């Protein structure tokens, strides 16, 4: 915020920003990838600043997909994946995203063999399941990408939110030449900058050039002082902040899990991200359960069907409130049990 304020009065920044991103932020993302993942990224060739992640998903798909191309999408998954594929006229094909990531690889290979997809979308830590993928998963996915020629679109929005000492990996740790790879990097979750609307794509140059061309027809990128603030977040944030961030979310997760255990509800304990994926009681659809939780317990969740057909017996609880609020929600769940 201080860097943002310092640069607001500079007249040079009150015009159109560089089309593909401020040099300071392009370099910041490249340096962060090297520090965090050991991956070498060329700022001008492999990084594109975006107006958040939703825009990045839509623009990357529109730049890469023709009508009729097959795209593999996790179900359950972030709703924008489904919507963006349908907007392109692509053929939407889902794979089960509610199992261990390694277990998805066999299904992905079967679908790749059958449908010859242009792209496979992956998201770990996952929204909404909270699952985290290992480096082995990305290595094997990279092998499938090379074998079947599909692009891997990796959504890394929650890279710094993982629990119980788990490490989050980048797809490019397995594919360091960036071949057939495209990954999103977000500031919204890690740095609490959701309303600032700034993100980045890291990708193979050939893929990124197509996105740059398409994106240049859609917007004029992000206000320069916001990009400088994002660069400062990458360069100046101490390691202690990331530990504190994970600790805060783990405290919230642990609190709500205790309430869920006492409530008798079935759930998947998240390994990362900021959600808990909860099964609805037997015979209850997610919309009815969402209404019940809100009206009788004052707890607001999202019906699982918002994330695909595999969410038809689930709801998503967010870990986005302060710890005391999470504890109160847990208490209400534990004392309720009227399912």
Protein backbone atom coordinates (compact mmCIF):
# COMPACT_ATOMS: atom_id res chain seq x y z
CA UNK A 1 0.00 0.00 0.00
CA UNK A 2 2.87 2.36 0.77
CA UNK A 3 4.49 1.75 -2.63
CA UNK A 4 1.13 2.31 -4.30
CA UNK A 5 0.66 5.65 -2.50
CA UNK A 6 4.21 6.79 -3.23
CA UNK A 7 3.65 6.43 -6.97
CA UNK A 8 0.14 7.84 -7.31
CA UNK A 9 1.34 11.41 -7.79
CA UNK A 10 3.78 10.61 -10.60
CA UNK A 11 2.25 12.06 -13.81
CA UNK A 12 4.15 9.55 -15.93
CA UNK A 13 2.00 6.74 -14.54
CA UNK A 14 -1.35 8.34 -15.42
CA UNK A 15 -1.24 7.21 -19.02
CA UNK A 16 -1.50 3.76 -20.58
CA UNK A 17 0.88 1.28 -18.92
CA UNK A 18 3.18 -1.01 -20.94
CA UNK A 19 0.95 -3.34 -22.95
CA UNK A 20 2.30 -6.59 -21.55
CA UNK A 21 3.30 -5.43 -18.07
CA UNK A 22 5.63 -3.08 -16.23
CA UNK A 23 9.29 -4.19 -16.45
CA UNK A 24 9.56 -4.08 -12.66
CA UNK A 25 6.74 -6.61 -12.28
CA UNK A 26 7.85 -8.84 -15.15
CA UNK A 27 11.26 -9.08 -13.51
CA UNK A 28 9.69 -9.54 -10.09
CA UNK A 29 7.69 -12.56 -11.25
CA UNK A 30 10.75 -14.08 -12.95
CA UNK A 31 12.89 -13.56 -9.84
CA UNK A 32 10.17 -15.06 -7.65
CA UNK A 33 9.93 -18.19 -9.82
CA UNK A 34 13.69 -18.62 -9.55
CA UNK A 35 13.71 -18.12 -5.79
CA UNK A 36 10.56 -20.11 -5.03
CA UNK A 37 10.73 -22.97 -7.54
CA UNK A 38 14.25 -22.88 -9.00
CA UNK A 39 12.75 -22.23 -12.45
CA UNK A 40 14.45 -19.88 -14.94
CA UNK A 41 11.97 -17.53 -16.60
CA UNK A 42 12.75 -14.76 -19.11
CA UNK A 43 10.76 -11.67 -18.05
CA UNK A 44 10.06 -10.30 -21.54
CA UNK A 45 9.47 -13.66 -23.23
CA UNK A 46 7.73 -15.77 -20.61
CA UNK A 47 5.74 -13.42 -18.34
CA UNK A 48 2.53 -11.50 -19.05
CA UNK A 49 0.80 -9.28 -16.49
CA UNK A 50 -2.97 -9.75 -16.39
CA UNK A 51 -6.02 -8.09 -14.86
CA UNK A 52 -6.38 -10.88 -12.32
CA UNK A 53 -6.85 -14.60 -12.95
CA UNK A 54 -10.36 -14.73 -14.44
CA UNK A 55 -9.19 -12.55 -17.31
CA UNK A 56 -6.09 -14.69 -17.72
CA UNK A 57 -8.14 -17.88 -18.03
CA UNK A 58 -10.55 -16.41 -20.58
CA UNK A 59 -7.87 -14.75 -22.69
CA UNK A 60 -5.49 -17.73 -22.68
CA UNK A 61 -8.25 -20.10 -23.74
CA UNK A 62 -9.53 -17.77 -26.47
CA UNK A 63 -6.00 -17.29 -27.78
CA UNK A 64 -5.28 -21.02 -27.86
CA UNK A 65 -8.54 -22.86 -28.54
CA UNK A 66 -10.57 -23.16 -31.73
CA UNK A 67 -14.20 -24.21 -31.91
CA UNK A 68 -14.40 -27.98 -31.57
CA UNK A 69 -11.06 -28.41 -29.77
CA UNK A 70 -11.28 -30.71 -26.75
CA UNK A 71 -10.31 -29.30 -23.34
CA UNK A 72 -9.99 -31.43 -20.18
CA UNK A 73 -11.25 -29.69 -17.04
CA UNK A 74 -11.33 -30.93 -13.43
CA UNK A 75 -14.77 -31.59 -11.99
CA UNK A 76 -15.22 -30.25 -9.37
CA UNK A 77 -13.29 -27.19 -10.46
CA UNK A 78 -13.24 -23.40 -10.58
CA UNK A 79 -16.42 -22.36 -12.49
CA UNK A 80 -14.53 -20.01 -14.83
CA UNK A 81 -12.82 -23.02 -16.46
CA UNK A 82 -16.16 -24.39 -17.61
CA UNK A 83 -17.51 -21.03 -18.72
CA UNK A 84 -14.37 -20.01 -20.60
CA UNK A 85 -14.20 -23.28 -22.55
CA UNK A 86 -17.86 -22.97 -23.54
CA UNK A 87 -17.31 -19.36 -24.68
CA UNK A 88 -14.55 -20.52 -27.04
CA UNK A 89 -16.79 -23.14 -28.65
CA UNK A 90 -14.42 -25.81 -27.40
CA UNK A 91 -15.54 -29.30 -26.42
CA UNK A 92 -15.68 -29.49 -22.62
CA UNK A 93 -14.53 -32.86 -21.24
CA UNK A 94 -14.23 -33.40 -17.49
CA UNK A 95 -12.09 -35.66 -15.35
CA UNK A 96 -12.59 -36.44 -11.66
CA UNK A 97 -10.94 -33.71 -9.60
CA UNK A 98 -12.17 -35.05 -6.26
CA UNK A 99 -9.56 -37.79 -5.87
CA UNK A 100 -5.85 -37.87 -5.11
CA UNK A 101 -4.04 -36.05 -7.96
CA UNK A 102 -1.94 -39.11 -8.84
CA UNK A 103 -5.19 -41.05 -9.30
CA UNK A 104 -6.34 -38.61 -11.99
CA UNK A 105 -3.42 -39.38 -14.30
CA UNK A 106 -4.84 -42.65 -15.60
CA UNK A 107 -8.14 -40.97 -16.47
CA UNK A 108 -6.35 -38.03 -18.09
CA UNK A 109 -4.30 -40.41 -20.24
CA UNK A 110 -7.39 -42.39 -21.29
CA UNK A 111 -9.21 -39.21 -22.24
CA UNK A 112 -6.12 -37.85 -24.03
CA UNK A 113 -5.85 -41.04 -26.07
CA UNK A 114 -9.54 -40.89 -26.99
CA UNK A 115 -10.16 -37.16 -27.50
CA UNK A 116 -6.71 -35.72 -28.36
CA UNK A 117 -7.26 -32.58 -26.23
CA UNK A 118 -5.69 -29.24 -27.07
CA UNK A 119 -5.30 -28.45 -23.37
CA UNK A 120 -5.58 -29.99 -19.90
CA UNK A 121 -6.40 -27.67 -17.00
CA UNK A 122 -5.07 -28.50 -13.52
CA UNK A 123 -5.43 -26.58 -10.24
CA UNK A 124 -3.44 -27.40 -7.10
CA UNK A 125 -3.94 -26.44 -4.33
CA UNK A 126 -7.48 -27.02 -5.54
CA UNK A 127 -10.55 -24.87 -5.43
CA UNK A 128 -12.84 -26.33 -4.08
CA UNK A 129 -11.34 -29.61 -2.76
CA UNK A 130 -8.18 -28.28 -1.09
CA UNK A 131 -6.04 -31.11 -2.51
CA UNK A 132 -2.32 -30.53 -3.14
CA UNK A 133 -0.29 -32.20 -5.91
CA UNK A 134 3.21 -33.59 -5.51
CA UNK A 135 6.22 -32.97 -7.73
CA UNK A 136 5.86 -36.55 -8.95
CA UNK A 137 2.37 -35.71 -10.19
CA UNK A 138 3.68 -32.83 -12.31
CA UNK A 139 6.54 -34.96 -13.63
CA UNK A 140 4.13 -37.64 -14.80
CA UNK A 141 1.71 -35.05 -16.18
CA UNK A 142 4.58 -33.48 -18.13
CA UNK A 143 5.36 -36.89 -19.65
CA UNK A 144 1.72 -37.22 -20.76
CA UNK A 145 1.82 -33.71 -22.20
CA UNK A 146 4.82 -34.57 -24.35
CA UNK A 147 3.37 -37.95 -25.35
CA UNK A 148 -0.04 -36.64 -26.44
CA UNK A 149 0.87 -33.07 -27.39
CA UNK A 150 -1.55 -31.22 -25.13
CA UNK A 151 -0.85 -27.94 -23.35
CA UNK A 152 -0.95 -27.99 -19.54
CA UNK A 153 -2.74 -24.98 -18.07
CA UNK A 154 -1.76 -24.89 -14.39
CA UNK A 155 -3.67 -22.62 -12.00
CA UNK A 156 -1.34 -21.78 -9.11
CA UNK A 157 -3.56 -19.22 -7.36
CA UNK A 158 -3.00 -20.72 -3.88
CA UNK A 159 0.71 -21.47 -4.08
CA UNK A 160 1.51 -20.15 -0.59
CA UNK A 161 -1.44 -21.62 1.30
CA UNK A 162 -0.72 -25.22 2.31
CA UNK A 163 -1.05 -27.04 5.63
CA UNK A 164 0.78 -29.50 7.85
CA UNK A 165 4.16 -28.68 6.29
CA UNK A 166 3.17 -29.65 2.75
CA UNK A 167 5.13 -28.03 -0.08
CA UNK A 168 3.34 -26.62 -3.12
CA UNK A 169 5.11 -27.18 -6.43
CA UNK A 170 4.94 -25.45 -9.80
CA UNK A 171 4.28 -27.40 -12.99
CA UNK A 172 7.46 -25.87 -14.39
CA UNK A 173 9.60 -27.65 -11.82
CA UNK A 174 8.86 -30.71 -13.94
CA UNK A 175 8.99 -28.93 -17.32
CA UNK A 176 11.74 -26.34 -16.92
CA UNK A 177 11.97 -25.56 -20.64
CA UNK A 178 8.33 -24.42 -20.31
CA UNK A 179 7.36 -26.51 -23.37
CA UNK A 180 3.58 -26.88 -23.74
CA UNK A 181 3.11 -25.16 -20.39
CA UNK A 182 1.12 -22.17 -19.17
CA UNK A 183 0.74 -21.28 -15.49
CA UNK A 184 -1.12 -18.52 -13.64
CA UNK A 185 0.30 -16.62 -10.72
CA UNK A 186 -2.02 -14.63 -8.46
CA UNK A 187 -1.64 -11.80 -5.97
CA UNK A 188 -5.23 -11.96 -4.70
CA UNK A 189 -4.80 -14.83 -2.26
CA UNK A 190 -1.15 -14.69 -1.22
CA UNK A 191 -0.99 -10.93 -0.70
CA UNK A 192 -4.65 -10.17 0.07
CA UNK A 193 -4.90 -8.02 -3.08
CA UNK A 194 -8.13 -9.44 -4.54
CA UNK A 195 -9.65 -6.04 -5.30
CA UNK A 196 -6.48 -4.73 -6.96
CA UNK A 197 -6.99 -7.04 -9.98
CA UNK A 198 -3.47 -8.00 -10.88
CA UNK A 199 -2.00 -11.38 -11.80
CA UNK A 200 0.45 -12.94 -14.22
CA UNK A 201 0.81 -15.75 -16.73
CA UNK A 202 4.11 -17.62 -17.04
CA UNK A 203 4.33 -19.65 -20.23
CA UNK A 204 6.31 -20.95 -23.16
CA UNK A 205 7.02 -18.01 -25.51
CA UNK A 206 5.02 -19.43 -28.42
CA UNK A 207 1.93 -19.84 -26.27
CA UNK A 208 2.37 -16.52 -24.50
CA UNK A 209 2.79 -14.56 -27.74
CA UNK A 210 -0.66 -15.72 -28.82
CA UNK A 211 -2.16 -14.61 -25.51
CA UNK A 212 -0.38 -11.25 -25.73
CA UNK A 213 -1.83 -10.62 -29.19
CA UNK A 214 -5.35 -11.58 -28.16
CA UNK A 215 -5.20 -9.69 -24.85
CA UNK A 216 -3.98 -6.53 -26.60
CA UNK A 217 -7.39 -6.29 -28.29
CA UNK A 218 -9.25 -6.65 -24.98
CA UNK A 219 -7.65 -4.32 -22.42
CA UNK A 220 -4.78 -1.93 -21.76
CA UNK A 221 -3.43 -3.81 -18.73
CA UNK A 222 -3.14 -2.77 -15.09
CA UNK A 223 -2.60 0.75 -13.66
CA UNK A 224 1.18 1.18 -13.30
CA UNK A 225 1.28 1.98 -9.53
CA UNK A 226 -0.66 -1.24 -8.86
CA UNK A 227 1.98 -3.18 -10.80
CA UNK A 228 4.74 -1.47 -8.79
CA UNK A 229 2.93 -2.45 -5.59
CA UNK A 230 2.70 -6.05 -6.82
CA UNK A 231 6.41 -6.03 -7.63
CA UNK A 232 7.13 -4.75 -4.11
CA UNK A 233 5.03 -7.59 -2.67
CA UNK A 234 7.21 -10.12 -4.49
CA UNK A 235 10.54 -8.48 -3.75
CA UNK A 236 10.09 -7.08 -0.23
CA UNK A 237 7.85 -9.54 1.61
CA UNK A 238 9.88 -11.38 4.27
CA UNK A 239 9.74 -15.17 4.51
CA UNK A 240 8.13 -14.80 7.94
CA UNK A 241 5.01 -13.40 6.27
CA UNK A 242 4.41 -16.61 4.31
CA UNK A 243 4.80 -18.70 7.45
CA UNK A 244 2.35 -16.44 9.26
CA UNK A 245 -0.11 -16.60 6.36
CA UNK A 246 -0.10 -20.41 6.36
CA UNK A 247 -0.46 -20.40 10.14
CA UNK A 248 -3.51 -18.14 10.00
CA UNK A 249 -5.30 -20.29 7.44
CA UNK A 250 -4.32 -23.51 9.20
CA UNK A 251 -5.77 -22.16 12.45
CA UNK A 252 -9.05 -21.41 10.69
CA UNK A 253 -9.03 -24.81 8.99
CA UNK A 254 -8.36 -26.67 12.22
CA UNK A 255 -11.14 -24.78 14.02
CA UNK A 256 -13.80 -25.57 11.43
CA UNK A 257 -12.64 -29.18 11.14
CA UNK A 258 -13.19 -29.70 14.87
CA UNK A 259 -16.74 -28.42 14.49
CA UNK A 260 -17.37 -30.62 11.48
CA UNK A 261 -16.06 -33.71 13.29
CA UNK A 262 -18.38 -33.02 16.21
CA UNK A 263 -21.30 -32.36 13.86
CA UNK A 264 -21.18 -35.81 12.31
CA UNK A 265 -20.85 -34.40 8.79
CA UNK A 266 -18.45 -36.04 6.32
CA UNK A 267 -15.76 -33.84 4.79
CA UNK A 268 -12.36 -33.80 3.12
CA UNK A 269 -9.72 -32.12 5.27
CA UNK A 270 -7.99 -29.66 2.90
CA UNK A 271 -4.24 -29.88 2.35
CA UNK A 272 -4.14 -26.33 0.97
CA UNK A 273 -6.13 -23.40 -0.47
CA UNK A 274 -8.86 -21.84 1.68
CA UNK A 275 -11.86 -24.15 1.48
CA UNK A 276 -13.35 -27.24 3.10
CA UNK A 277 -15.28 -29.64 0.83
CA UNK A 278 -18.18 -31.01 2.86
CA UNK A 279 -20.62 -33.80 1.96
CA UNK A 280 -24.33 -33.11 2.38
CA UNK A 281 -26.34 -35.38 4.70
CA UNK A 282 -27.89 -38.48 3.15
CA UNK A 283 -30.87 -37.58 0.98
CA UNK A 284 -30.15 -33.81 1.04
CA UNK A 285 -29.25 -31.87 -2.09
CA UNK A 286 -26.63 -29.09 -1.81
CA UNK A 287 -29.09 -26.24 -2.38
CA UNK A 288 -31.41 -27.41 0.41
CA UNK A 289 -28.45 -27.94 2.73
CA UNK A 290 -27.06 -24.49 1.90
CA UNK A 291 -30.42 -22.93 2.78
CA UNK A 292 -30.64 -24.91 6.02
CA UNK A 293 -27.16 -23.88 7.13
CA UNK A 294 -27.94 -20.24 6.42
CA UNK A 295 -31.43 -20.06 7.94
CA UNK A 296 -30.86 -22.24 10.99
CA UNK A 297 -27.16 -21.72 11.75
CA UNK A 298 -26.27 -18.38 10.16
CA UNK A 299 -23.51 -20.08 8.15
CA UNK A 300 -23.18 -19.28 4.44
CA UNK A 301 -21.63 -21.87 2.10
CA UNK A 302 -21.66 -22.47 -1.67
CA UNK A 303 -23.58 -25.40 -3.19
CA UNK A 304 -21.17 -27.88 -4.71
CA UNK A 305 -22.99 -27.90 -8.04
CA UNK A 306 -21.41 -24.49 -8.70
CA UNK A 307 -18.16 -26.42 -9.27
CA UNK A 308 -19.48 -29.13 -11.58
CA UNK A 309 -21.58 -32.28 -11.60
CA UNK A 310 -19.25 -34.01 -9.12
CA UNK A 311 -20.32 -31.45 -6.54
CA UNK A 312 -23.91 -32.65 -6.54
CA UNK A 313 -23.56 -33.98 -2.97
CA UNK A 314 -21.21 -31.33 -1.61
CA UNK A 315 -20.97 -27.77 -0.29
CA UNK A 316 -17.88 -25.56 -0.08
CA UNK A 317 -17.03 -23.78 3.16
CA UNK A 318 -14.58 -20.87 2.94
CA UNK A 319 -11.80 -20.16 5.43
CA UNK A 320 -12.00 -16.44 4.74
CA UNK A 321 -13.28 -15.13 8.10
CA UNK A 322 -11.23 -14.30 11.17
CA UNK A 323 -10.41 -17.12 13.59
CA UNK A 324 -13.05 -16.16 16.18
CA UNK A 325 -15.74 -16.23 13.51
CA UNK A 326 -14.54 -19.67 12.38
CA UNK A 327 -14.64 -20.90 15.97
CA UNK A 328 -18.20 -19.64 16.34
CA UNK A 329 -19.22 -21.39 13.12
CA UNK A 330 -17.60 -24.57 14.42
CA UNK A 331 -19.46 -24.26 17.72
CA UNK A 332 -22.80 -23.90 15.93
CA UNK A 333 -22.09 -26.92 13.77
CA UNK A 334 -21.05 -29.02 16.76
CA UNK A 335 -24.11 -28.10 18.80
CA UNK A 336 -26.54 -28.44 15.90
CA UNK A 337 -26.43 -31.97 14.56
CA UNK A 338 -30.03 -31.67 13.23
CA UNK A 339 -29.18 -33.07 9.82
